[in-house]
C-alpha atoms as a PDB file:
ATOM      1  CA  MET A   1     -42.824  15.241  14.968  1.00  0.00           C
ATOM      2  CA  TYR A   2     -39.568  16.066  13.138  1.00  0.00           C
ATOM      3  CA  MET A   3     -37.301  13.144  12.028  1.00  0.00           C
ATOM      4  CA  ASN A   4     -33.664  13.879  11.339  1.00  0.00           C
ATOM      5  CA  PRO A   5     -32.785  12.239   7.983  1.00  0.00           C
ATOM      6  CA  PHE A   6     -29.122  11.905   8.998  1.00  0.00           C
ATOM      7  CA  PRO A   7     -27.852   9.306  11.471  1.00  0.00           C
ATOM      8  CA  SER A   8     -26.190  10.599  14.631  1.00  0.00           C
ATOM      9  CA  ASP A   9     -22.817   9.202  13.523  1.00  0.00           C
ATOM     10  CA  LEU A  10     -22.565   9.726   9.777  1.00  0.00           C
ATOM     11  CA  PHE A  11     -19.086   8.146   9.464  1.00  0.00           C
ATOM     12  CA  ALA A  12     -20.185   4.984  11.272  1.00  0.00           C
ATOM     13  CA  GLU A  13     -23.112   4.740   8.868  1.00  0.00           C
ATOM     14  CA  PHE A  14     -20.777   5.103   5.839  1.00  0.00           C
ATOM     15  CA  ASP A  15     -18.542   2.383   7.274  1.00  0.00           C
ATOM     16  CA  ARG A  16     -21.539   0.099   7.781  1.00  0.00           C
ATOM     17  CA  MET A  17     -22.689   0.681   4.187  1.00  0.00           C
ATOM     18  CA  ARG A  18     -19.172  -0.054   2.838  1.00  0.00           C
ATOM     19  CA  ARG A  19     -19.036  -3.321   4.796  1.00  0.00           C
ATOM     20  CA  GLU A  20     -22.469  -4.269   3.487  1.00  0.00           C
ATOM     21  CA  LEU A  21     -21.442  -3.540  -0.125  1.00  0.00           C
ATOM     22  CA  ASP A  22     -18.244  -5.553   0.387  1.00  0.00           C
ATOM     23  CA  ARG A  23     -20.343  -8.461   1.635  1.00  0.00           C
ATOM     24  CA  VAL A  24     -22.892  -8.254  -1.189  1.00  0.00           C
ATOM     25  CA  PHE A  25     -20.301  -7.976  -3.965  1.00  0.00           C
ATOM     26  CA  ASP A  26     -17.741 -10.227  -2.251  1.00  0.00           C
ATOM     27  CA  LEU A  27     -15.142  -7.449  -2.151  1.00  0.00           C
ATOM     28  CA  SER A  28     -13.508  -8.578   1.061  1.00  0.00           C
ATOM     29  CA  THR A  29     -10.510  -6.457   2.005  1.00  0.00           C
ATOM     30  CA  GLY A  30      -8.915  -9.253   4.027  1.00  0.00           C
ATOM     31  CA  ILE A  31      -5.738 -11.055   3.088  1.00  0.00           C
ATOM     32  CA  ARG A  32      -7.688 -13.965   1.594  1.00  0.00           C
ATOM     33  CA  GLY A  33     -10.450 -11.942  -0.036  1.00  0.00           C
ATOM     34  CA  LEU A  34     -10.799 -11.168  -3.720  1.00  0.00           C
ATOM     35  CA  GLY A  35     -10.310  -7.487  -3.075  1.00  0.00           C
ATOM     36  CA  SER A  36      -7.118  -7.946  -1.100  1.00  0.00           C
ATOM     37  CA  ARG A  37      -4.246  -5.636  -1.882  1.00  0.00           C
ATOM     38  CA  PHE A  38      -0.857  -6.966  -2.894  1.00  0.00           C
ATOM     39  CA  PRO A  39       1.696  -6.185  -1.735  1.00  0.00           C
ATOM     40  CA  ALA A  40       0.711  -5.427   1.840  1.00  0.00           C
ATOM     41  CA  LEU A  41       2.169  -2.096   2.974  1.00  0.00           C
ATOM     42  CA  ASN A  42       3.430  -0.498   6.153  1.00  0.00           C
ATOM     43  CA  VAL A  43       3.886   3.268   5.905  1.00  0.00           C
ATOM     44  CA  GLY A  44       5.529   5.414   8.565  1.00  0.00           C
ATOM     45  CA  SER A  45       7.301   8.716   8.859  1.00  0.00           C
ATOM     46  CA  THR A  46      10.158  10.385  10.653  1.00  0.00           C
ATOM     47  CA  PRO A  47      10.957  14.087  10.773  1.00  0.00           C
ATOM     48  CA  LYS A  48      13.360  13.530   7.842  1.00  0.00           C
ATOM     49  CA  SER A  49      11.608  10.905   5.698  1.00  0.00           C
ATOM     50  CA  VAL A  50       8.621   8.761   4.845  1.00  0.00           C
ATOM     51  CA  GLU A  51       9.363   5.024   5.041  1.00  0.00           C
ATOM     52  CA  ILE A  52       7.340   2.503   3.026  1.00  0.00           C
ATOM     53  CA  PHE A  53       7.667  -1.265   3.443  1.00  0.00           C
ATOM     54  CA  ALA A  54       5.986  -3.481   0.839  1.00  0.00           C
ATOM     55  CA  PHE A  55       5.792  -7.165   1.767  1.00  0.00           C
ATOM     56  CA  ALA A  56       6.270  -9.045  -1.507  1.00  0.00           C
ATOM     57  CA  PRO A  57       8.099 -12.342  -1.025  1.00  0.00           C
ATOM     58  CA  GLY A  58       9.104 -14.430  -3.991  1.00  0.00           C
ATOM     59  CA  LEU A  59       9.546 -11.588  -6.459  1.00  0.00           C
ATOM     60  CA  ASP A  60      12.480 -10.964  -8.746  1.00  0.00           C
ATOM     61  CA  PRO A  61      13.672  -7.409  -7.904  1.00  0.00           C
ATOM     62  CA  ALA A  62      13.965  -6.741 -11.651  1.00  0.00           C
ATOM     63  CA  SER A  63      10.189  -7.317 -11.993  1.00  0.00           C
ATOM     64  CA  ILE A  64       9.343  -4.506  -9.525  1.00  0.00           C
ATOM     65  CA  GLU A  65       8.826  -0.976 -10.813  1.00  0.00           C
ATOM     66  CA  VAL A  66       8.804   2.004  -8.438  1.00  0.00           C
ATOM     67  CA  GLN A  67       7.844   5.383  -9.839  1.00  0.00           C
ATOM     68  CA  ILE A  68       7.123   8.803  -8.346  1.00  0.00           C
ATOM     69  CA  GLU A  69       5.187  11.443 -10.222  1.00  0.00           C
ATOM     70  CA  LYS A  70       3.257  14.492  -9.015  1.00  0.00           C
ATOM     71  CA  GLY A  71       3.319  13.334  -5.396  1.00  0.00           C
ATOM     72  CA  LEU A  72       2.128   9.806  -6.178  1.00  0.00           C
ATOM     73  CA  LEU A  73       4.312   6.780  -5.519  1.00  0.00           C
ATOM     74  CA  THR A  74       3.485   3.787  -7.721  1.00  0.00           C
ATOM     75  CA  ILE A  75       4.655   0.240  -7.015  1.00  0.00           C
ATOM     76  CA  SER A  76       3.917  -2.269  -9.756  1.00  0.00           C
ATOM     77  CA  GLY A  77       5.174  -5.550 -11.102  1.00  0.00           C
ATOM     78  CA  GLU A  78       4.278  -9.166 -11.601  1.00  0.00           C
ATOM     79  CA  ARG A  79       4.576 -12.372  -9.627  1.00  0.00           C
ATOM     80  CA  LYS A  80       4.716 -15.491 -11.754  1.00  0.00           C
ATOM     81  CA  PRO A  81       2.373 -18.320 -10.746  1.00  0.00           C
ATOM     82  CA  PRO A  82       4.098 -21.284  -9.107  1.00  0.00           C
ATOM     83  CA  GLN A  83       4.938 -24.273 -11.283  1.00  0.00           C
ATOM     84  CA  VAL A  84       2.695 -27.210 -10.396  1.00  0.00           C
ATOM     85  CA  PRO A  85       4.170 -30.630 -11.151  1.00  0.00           C
ATOM     86  CA  GLU A  86       2.350 -32.707 -13.732  1.00  0.00           C
ATOM     87  CA  LYS A  87      -0.505 -34.795 -12.294  1.00  0.00           C
ATOM     88  CA  ALA A  88      -0.445 -32.731  -9.085  1.00  0.00           C
ATOM     89  CA  THR A  89      -3.581 -31.193  -7.641  1.00  0.00           C
ATOM     90  CA  VAL A  90      -3.637 -27.865  -5.804  1.00  0.00           C
ATOM     91  CA  HIS A  91      -6.284 -28.000  -3.069  1.00  0.00           C
ATOM     92  CA  VAL A  92      -5.781 -24.534  -1.592  1.00  0.00           C
ATOM     93  CA  GLY A  93      -3.971 -21.741  -3.419  1.00  0.00           C
ATOM     94  CA  GLU A  94      -3.894 -18.505  -1.438  1.00  0.00           C
ATOM     95  CA  ARG A  95      -0.651 -17.041  -2.735  1.00  0.00           C
ATOM     96  CA  PHE A  96      -1.186 -14.080  -5.041  1.00  0.00           C
ATOM     97  CA  ALA A  97       0.097 -14.452  -8.615  1.00  0.00           C
ATOM     98  CA  GLY A  98      -0.232 -12.007 -11.487  1.00  0.00           C
ATOM     99  CA  ARG A  99       0.229  -8.295 -12.063  1.00  0.00           C
ATOM    100  CA  PHE A 100      -0.046  -5.878  -9.155  1.00  0.00           C
ATOM    101  CA  HIS A 101      -0.273  -2.112  -8.866  1.00  0.00           C
ATOM    102  CA  ARG A 102      -0.325   0.029  -5.699  1.00  0.00           C
ATOM    103  CA  VAL A 103      -0.469   3.826  -5.580  1.00  0.00           C
ATOM    104  CA  LEU A 104       0.248   5.977  -2.523  1.00  0.00           C
ATOM    105  CA  SER A 105      -0.134   9.707  -2.125  1.00  0.00           C
ATOM    106  CA  LEU A 106       2.992  11.240  -0.579  1.00  0.00           C
ATOM    107  CA  PRO A 107       3.183  14.439   1.487  1.00  0.00           C
ATOM    108  CA  ASP A 108       3.947  17.661  -0.392  1.00  0.00           C
ATOM    109  CA  ASP A 109       7.303  18.087   1.371  1.00  0.00           C
ATOM    110  CA  ILE A 110       8.891  14.956  -0.206  1.00  0.00           C
ATOM    111  CA  ASP A 111      11.881  15.550  -2.483  1.00  0.00           C
ATOM    112  CA  PRO A 112      11.269  13.383  -5.589  1.00  0.00           C
ATOM    113  CA  ALA A 113      15.014  13.345  -6.333  1.00  0.00           C
ATOM    114  CA  ALA A 114      15.755  11.808  -2.915  1.00  0.00           C
ATOM    115  CA  VAL A 115      13.760   8.582  -3.073  1.00  0.00           C
ATOM    116  CA  SER A 116      15.571   5.243  -2.787  1.00  0.00           C
ATOM    117  CA  ALA A 117      14.340   1.646  -2.961  1.00  0.00           C
ATOM    118  CA  SER A 118      15.878  -1.684  -1.960  1.00  0.00           C
ATOM    119  CA  TYR A 119      14.565  -5.256  -1.915  1.00  0.00           C
ATOM    120  CA  ARG A 120      15.780  -7.790   0.616  1.00  0.00           C
ATOM    121  CA  ASP A 121      14.268 -10.948   2.119  1.00  0.00           C
ATOM    122  CA  GLY A 122      10.937 -10.386   0.394  1.00  0.00           C
ATOM    123  CA  VAL A 123      10.521  -6.805   1.633  1.00  0.00           C
ATOM    124  CA  LEU A 124      10.699  -3.756  -0.643  1.00  0.00           C
ATOM    125  CA  HIS A 125      11.875  -0.758   1.397  1.00  0.00           C
ATOM    126  CA  ILE A 126      11.293   2.696  -0.080  1.00  0.00           C
ATOM    127  CA  SER A 127      12.692   5.733   1.697  1.00  0.00           C
ATOM    128  CA  ALA A 128      11.436   9.153   0.557  1.00  0.00           C
ATOM    129  CA  GLN A 129      13.406  12.016   2.062  1.00  0.00           C
ATOM    130  CA  ARG A 130      11.721  15.266   3.009  1.00  0.00           C
ATOM    131  CA  ARG A 131      13.019  18.528   1.567  1.00  0.00           C
ATOM    132  CA  GLU A 132      15.618  20.242   3.724  1.00  0.00           C
ATOM    133  CA  SER A 133      13.373  23.300   4.062  1.00  0.00           C
ATOM    134  CA  ALA A 134      10.561  21.129   5.471  1.00  0.00           C
ATOM    135  CA  GLN A 135      12.639  19.432   8.154  1.00  0.00           C
ATOM    136  CA  PRO A 136      12.326  20.711  11.689  1.00  0.00           C
ATOM    137  CA  ARG A 137      15.207  22.785  12.975  1.00  0.00           C
ATOM    138  CA  ARG A 138      16.025  24.173  16.358  1.00  0.00           C
ATOM    139  CA  ILE A 139      16.092  27.935  16.676  1.00  0.00           C
ATOM    140  CA  THR A 140      18.341  29.355  19.354  1.00  0.00           C
ATOM    141  CA  VAL A 141      16.710  31.942  21.567  1.00  0.00           C
ATOM    142  CA  GLN A 142      19.021  34.889  22.201  1.00  0.00           C
END
């Protein structure tokens, strides 16, 4: 009798193996896990741009570096650890402190000269405009 060496759903099997490795090596991808990513990101797109929102409260905007090179957007910086008063004891400390580094691959139609970033109320908003030639346009039928 022939046994197929591959599972019927290969991607589900890869996902199961990744979860098992995360569990074994304690690489949880949750907000409280060691492998959590800071800052958390929301990425969306419109016909004219790609919009990135990085949730990074408590940062000095001068400590954030945003760079674009060869289609990769890099967000990096540092959050200083909170000052703990003398003779105080921290029982639970879940707020991320230290250096961070996130890299996103952007679509090929992004114009690197038309990327802007602003920081307000703990949210870094990066807007990457698409090239004019890549934007949809209506063609009149004659």
